[in-house]
Every structure is written in C-alpha cells, then in structure tokens.
Amino acid sequence: LVPRKGQDTLIRALPWVRRAVPDAVLLLVGDGPHGSGLRQLALREGVLDAVFFAGGHPHHALPAFYAAADAFAMPCRTRRAGLEVEGLGIVYLEAAASGLPVVAGDSGGAPDTVREGETGYVVDGRSVAATADRLIRLLRDPRLARAMGEEGRRRVRAEWSWDHSYATLRHLLVGRTAGCRTVGPRPPHAHRPTAPGT
C-alpha cells in the first residue's frame, strides 16, 4: 500500500459508489507504509465499515481474492515529477486472467494492459469522480462487467502468454540482428575474460 497505487482514490470514491450501489465494498490486499493513513482516510470518509484491509498475502493466495471480486481497480498515478511511475502492472493482467474487468490508472505501462471499453477502463488516477464513475458502471451492469472480464481473459491468453511473449521478443531480436554477419552464439575464442588490470 503506497501512494502511487491510488488506494486513497478508491477510498474517496467509495462513498459515491455506495450511493449508487449500496452494498459495494472495497477489498484492499497488500501492506505497506500507507496502510494506517488509508484506515484514517476511510474513517474520515465514513466508509471504514465497507473497506476490508486483508493485509499482505503470498502470490499463490491471490486467486482467491480475485475470485471474490466483481471488478479490479488500481487507479495508479505518476508522482514526483515523473520519477515514480507504475511499471507494466502485472496485477492488471492477473485480474484480467481471472475474468475481472479492470480499472487502471493512466501511469507508465498500466494502460498497455487494458483495452479501453473492451477489457476495462483507464482513468486519471487522481480523479475520484472518474474512478467512481467507471466502478459504478461495472457494478450496476453485471453483464457488461462479465463481458469485459471474458474479453480480458481471452486477451491475456492470446497476447500475454509466455509463448506469445517469446515469439514477440524473438521477432524483435531477429529484426535487430538481420544486418549482422553472425547470428547465434559466439565462437569460444570471441570473448575471453581477462584478469583485472590487464
């Protein structure tokens, strides 16, 4: 639980979401330095009873949390003048592979994991209103959420599998080495380590 991940935006959005979907709850999985501040924020926002802090869990336990959800949201945001950015955001792919629609923040590589309007939504992670709006859409329309989740699962299998990633990397490397005279391992004499100082 760190500020860049946008859990505070989710807590601020929850009162709006609960006005539209009264039984909505927020499940936060993970721990970190921001946890106590998030609890205080939930208390101030009047939603502490609707926010469940599950704490940190090993990776193999995460599928159970995905299975308990109707949607996955991490409205991450770029911070510190661009020095703190979300990487690819593998959790978005894990959630999609679990059949969940995804709400991702527009930071770093996170938007690359979501097809806007097809597998989920990309929002400005600082916008409580945009985050609440997308969550309300998904929670009010289970058929839409299910369709996005199914498309997300299909897309992860087709575009993010190890086989697909290997083929993409191989294609890039072959393209880069096309003009080289030798492709493949170097002969044993091509690179011999030397002792330091020689």
Protein backbone atom coordinates (compact mmCIF):
# COMPACT_ATOMS: atom_id res chain seq x y z
CA LEU A 1 0.00 0.00 0.00
CA VAL A 2 1.85 3.02 -1.35
CA PRO A 3 0.53 6.39 -2.56
CA ARG A 4 1.35 5.73 -6.24
CA LYS A 5 -1.10 2.80 -6.39
CA GLY A 6 -4.16 5.02 -5.80
CA GLN A 7 -5.84 3.19 -2.94
CA ASP A 8 -6.67 6.61 -1.48
CA THR A 9 -8.58 7.46 -4.66
CA LEU A 10 -10.58 4.23 -4.25
CA ILE A 11 -11.46 5.09 -0.66
CA ARG A 12 -12.51 8.62 -1.65
CA ALA A 13 -14.60 7.17 -4.50
CA LEU A 14 -16.33 4.61 -2.28
CA PRO A 15 -18.98 6.98 -0.82
CA TRP A 16 -20.02 7.90 -4.38
CA VAL A 17 -20.06 4.25 -5.40
CA ARG A 18 -22.13 3.23 -2.36
CA ARG A 19 -24.74 5.89 -3.12
CA ALA A 20 -25.30 4.12 -6.45
CA VAL A 21 -24.55 0.56 -5.28
CA PRO A 22 -25.29 0.47 -1.52
CA ASP A 23 -23.78 -2.95 -0.84
CA ALA A 24 -20.45 -2.19 -2.58
CA VAL A 25 -17.35 -2.89 -0.51
CA LEU A 26 -13.66 -2.31 -1.11
CA LEU A 27 -11.15 -5.10 -0.50
CA LEU A 28 -7.53 -3.92 -0.27
CA VAL A 29 -4.92 -6.68 -0.45
CA GLY A 30 -1.37 -5.82 0.49
CA ASP A 31 0.52 -4.00 3.16
CA GLY A 32 2.92 -1.12 3.27
CA PRO A 33 3.72 2.24 4.79
CA HIS A 34 0.47 3.84 3.59
CA GLY A 35 -1.84 1.39 5.42
CA SER A 36 -2.52 3.35 8.61
CA GLY A 37 -3.14 6.54 6.62
CA LEU A 38 -5.64 4.68 4.45
CA ARG A 39 -7.51 3.45 7.53
CA GLN A 40 -7.69 7.03 8.82
CA LEU A 41 -8.94 8.21 5.42
CA ALA A 42 -11.65 5.52 5.37
CA LEU A 43 -12.73 6.65 8.83
CA ARG A 44 -12.90 10.32 7.74
CA GLU A 45 -14.84 9.38 4.60
CA GLY A 46 -17.34 7.39 6.67
CA VAL A 47 -16.64 4.10 4.88
CA LEU A 48 -14.37 2.27 7.31
CA ASP A 49 -17.06 -0.42 7.75
CA ALA A 50 -17.04 -1.00 3.96
CA VAL A 51 -13.25 -1.20 3.47
CA PHE A 52 -11.60 -4.53 4.23
CA PHE A 53 -7.84 -4.45 4.75
CA ALA A 54 -6.74 -8.01 4.01
CA GLY A 55 -3.03 -7.40 4.63
CA GLY A 56 -0.18 -8.94 2.69
CA HIS A 57 -0.51 -12.42 1.23
CA PRO A 58 1.76 -14.70 -0.81
CA HIS A 59 1.29 -14.63 -4.54
CA HIS A 60 -0.26 -18.12 -4.63
CA ALA A 61 -3.12 -16.88 -2.40
CA LEU A 62 -4.19 -14.05 -4.74
CA PRO A 63 -6.56 -16.08 -6.97
CA ALA A 64 -8.96 -16.43 -4.03
CA PHE A 65 -9.13 -12.65 -3.70
CA TYR A 66 -9.70 -12.20 -7.44
CA ALA A 67 -12.46 -14.82 -7.27
CA ALA A 68 -14.20 -12.84 -4.52
CA ALA A 69 -14.30 -9.64 -6.59
CA ASP A 70 -16.67 -8.21 -9.18
CA ALA A 71 -14.04 -5.82 -10.58
CA PHE A 72 -10.39 -4.94 -10.05
CA ALA A 73 -9.25 -1.35 -9.66
CA MET A 74 -5.86 0.20 -9.09
CA PRO A 75 -6.01 3.82 -10.22
CA CYS A 76 -2.26 4.34 -10.11
CA ARG A 77 -0.77 7.72 -10.91
CA THR A 78 2.59 9.16 -11.78
CA ARG A 79 4.17 11.05 -8.90
CA ARG A 80 7.26 13.08 -8.07
CA ALA A 81 7.53 14.86 -11.41
CA GLY A 82 7.56 11.57 -13.31
CA LEU A 83 10.13 9.81 -11.14
CA GLU A 84 7.56 7.48 -9.57
CA VAL A 85 5.66 5.66 -12.32
CA GLU A 86 3.72 2.40 -12.47
CA GLY A 87 5.59 -0.23 -14.46
CA LEU A 88 3.61 -2.64 -16.57
CA GLY A 89 1.31 -3.51 -13.69
CA ILE A 90 1.22 -7.30 -13.77
CA VAL A 91 -1.71 -7.27 -11.30
CA TYR A 92 -3.92 -5.88 -14.07
CA LEU A 93 -3.08 -8.91 -16.22
CA GLU A 94 -3.61 -11.28 -13.29
CA ALA A 95 -7.03 -9.76 -12.63
CA ALA A 96 -7.96 -9.94 -16.31
CA ALA A 97 -6.77 -13.56 -16.48
CA SER A 98 -9.12 -14.21 -13.56
CA GLY A 99 -12.03 -12.87 -15.62
CA LEU A 100 -12.34 -9.47 -13.94
CA PRO A 101 -12.92 -6.15 -15.66
CA VAL A 102 -10.10 -3.76 -14.79
CA VAL A 103 -9.96 -0.07 -13.88
CA ALA A 104 -6.35 1.06 -14.33
CA GLY A 105 -4.66 4.37 -13.72
CA ASP A 106 -3.04 6.24 -16.59
CA SER A 107 0.56 5.83 -15.44
CA GLY A 108 3.53 4.17 -17.08
CA GLY A 109 2.74 0.83 -18.69
CA ALA A 110 -0.56 0.27 -16.89
CA PRO A 111 -2.70 1.47 -19.84
CA ASP A 112 -0.99 -1.14 -22.05
CA THR A 113 -2.73 -3.87 -20.06
CA VAL A 114 -6.28 -2.60 -20.64
CA ARG A 115 -8.27 -2.12 -23.83
CA GLU A 116 -10.44 0.91 -23.07
CA GLY A 117 -14.11 -0.04 -23.10
CA GLU A 118 -13.34 -3.66 -24.03
CA THR A 119 -11.49 -5.18 -21.06
CA GLY A 120 -11.97 -2.30 -18.64
CA TYR A 121 -11.24 1.38 -18.30
CA VAL A 122 -8.22 3.65 -17.95
CA VAL A 123 -8.73 6.64 -15.65
CA ASP A 124 -6.74 9.57 -14.36
CA GLY A 125 -5.65 8.08 -11.05
CA ARG A 126 -6.08 11.45 -9.35
CA SER A 127 -9.74 11.70 -10.38
CA VAL A 128 -12.11 10.43 -7.73
CA ALA A 129 -15.09 11.22 -9.99
CA ALA A 130 -13.74 9.27 -12.99
CA THR A 131 -12.79 6.31 -10.82
CA ALA A 132 -16.20 6.25 -9.12
CA ASP A 133 -18.00 6.57 -12.46
CA ARG A 134 -16.22 3.57 -14.02
CA LEU A 135 -16.73 1.43 -10.92
CA ILE A 136 -20.42 2.32 -10.80
CA ARG A 137 -20.80 1.37 -14.48
CA LEU A 138 -19.27 -2.04 -13.82
CA LEU A 139 -21.12 -2.75 -10.58
CA ARG A 140 -24.51 -1.66 -11.93
CA ASP A 141 -24.17 -3.68 -15.11
CA PRO A 142 -23.01 -7.23 -14.30
CA ARG A 143 -23.46 -8.28 -17.92
CA LEU A 144 -21.05 -5.55 -19.08
CA ALA A 145 -18.59 -6.46 -16.32
CA ARG A 146 -18.77 -10.14 -17.26
CA ALA A 147 -18.25 -9.40 -20.97
CA MET A 148 -15.24 -7.19 -20.22
CA GLY A 149 -13.85 -9.84 -17.88
CA GLU A 150 -14.23 -12.56 -20.51
CA GLU A 151 -12.57 -10.37 -23.16
CA GLY A 152 -9.76 -9.57 -20.72
CA ARG A 153 -9.19 -13.27 -20.04
CA ARG A 154 -9.17 -14.01 -23.79
CA ARG A 155 -6.74 -11.17 -24.46
CA VAL A 156 -4.33 -12.25 -21.71
CA ARG A 157 -4.27 -15.78 -23.11
CA ALA A 158 -3.75 -14.55 -26.67
CA GLU A 159 -1.37 -11.63 -26.15
CA TRP A 160 0.38 -12.06 -22.81
CA SER A 161 1.18 -15.79 -22.65
CA TRP A 162 4.79 -16.96 -22.41
CA ASP A 163 4.57 -18.35 -25.96
CA HIS A 164 3.34 -15.04 -27.34
CA SER A 165 5.92 -13.06 -25.36
CA TYR A 166 8.70 -15.36 -26.59
CA ALA A 167 7.56 -15.03 -30.21
CA THR A 168 7.39 -11.23 -29.90
CA LEU A 169 10.86 -11.00 -28.34
CA ARG A 170 12.32 -13.39 -30.90
CA HIS A 171 10.80 -11.34 -33.73
CA LEU A 172 12.32 -8.16 -32.31
CA LEU A 173 15.74 -9.74 -31.84
CA VAL A 174 15.81 -11.32 -35.29
CA GLY A 175 14.84 -7.95 -36.77
CA ARG A 176 17.68 -6.24 -34.88
CA THR A 177 20.28 -8.80 -35.90
CA ALA A 178 19.21 -9.15 -39.55
CA GLY A 179 22.12 -7.00 -40.72
CA CYS A 180 24.72 -8.78 -38.60
CA ARG A 181 27.05 -11.31 -40.16
CA THR A 182 26.68 -13.85 -37.39
CA VAL A 183 23.56 -14.78 -35.55
CA GLY A 184 23.72 -17.19 -32.66
CA PRO A 185 26.28 -17.96 -30.02
CA ARG A 186 29.75 -16.51 -30.39
CA PRO A 187 32.59 -18.91 -31.03
CA PRO A 188 34.52 -19.77 -27.84
CA HIS A 189 37.55 -17.64 -28.83
CA ALA A 190 35.45 -14.50 -29.50
CA HIS A 191 35.29 -13.41 -25.87
CA ARG A 192 37.79 -14.44 -23.28
CA PRO A 193 37.66 -12.85 -19.86
CA THR A 194 40.85 -11.13 -18.84
CA ALA A 195 42.28 -10.74 -15.39
CA PRO A 196 41.66 -7.38 -13.72
CA GLY A 197 44.28 -4.79 -14.59
CA THR A 198 45.43 -6.45 -17.84
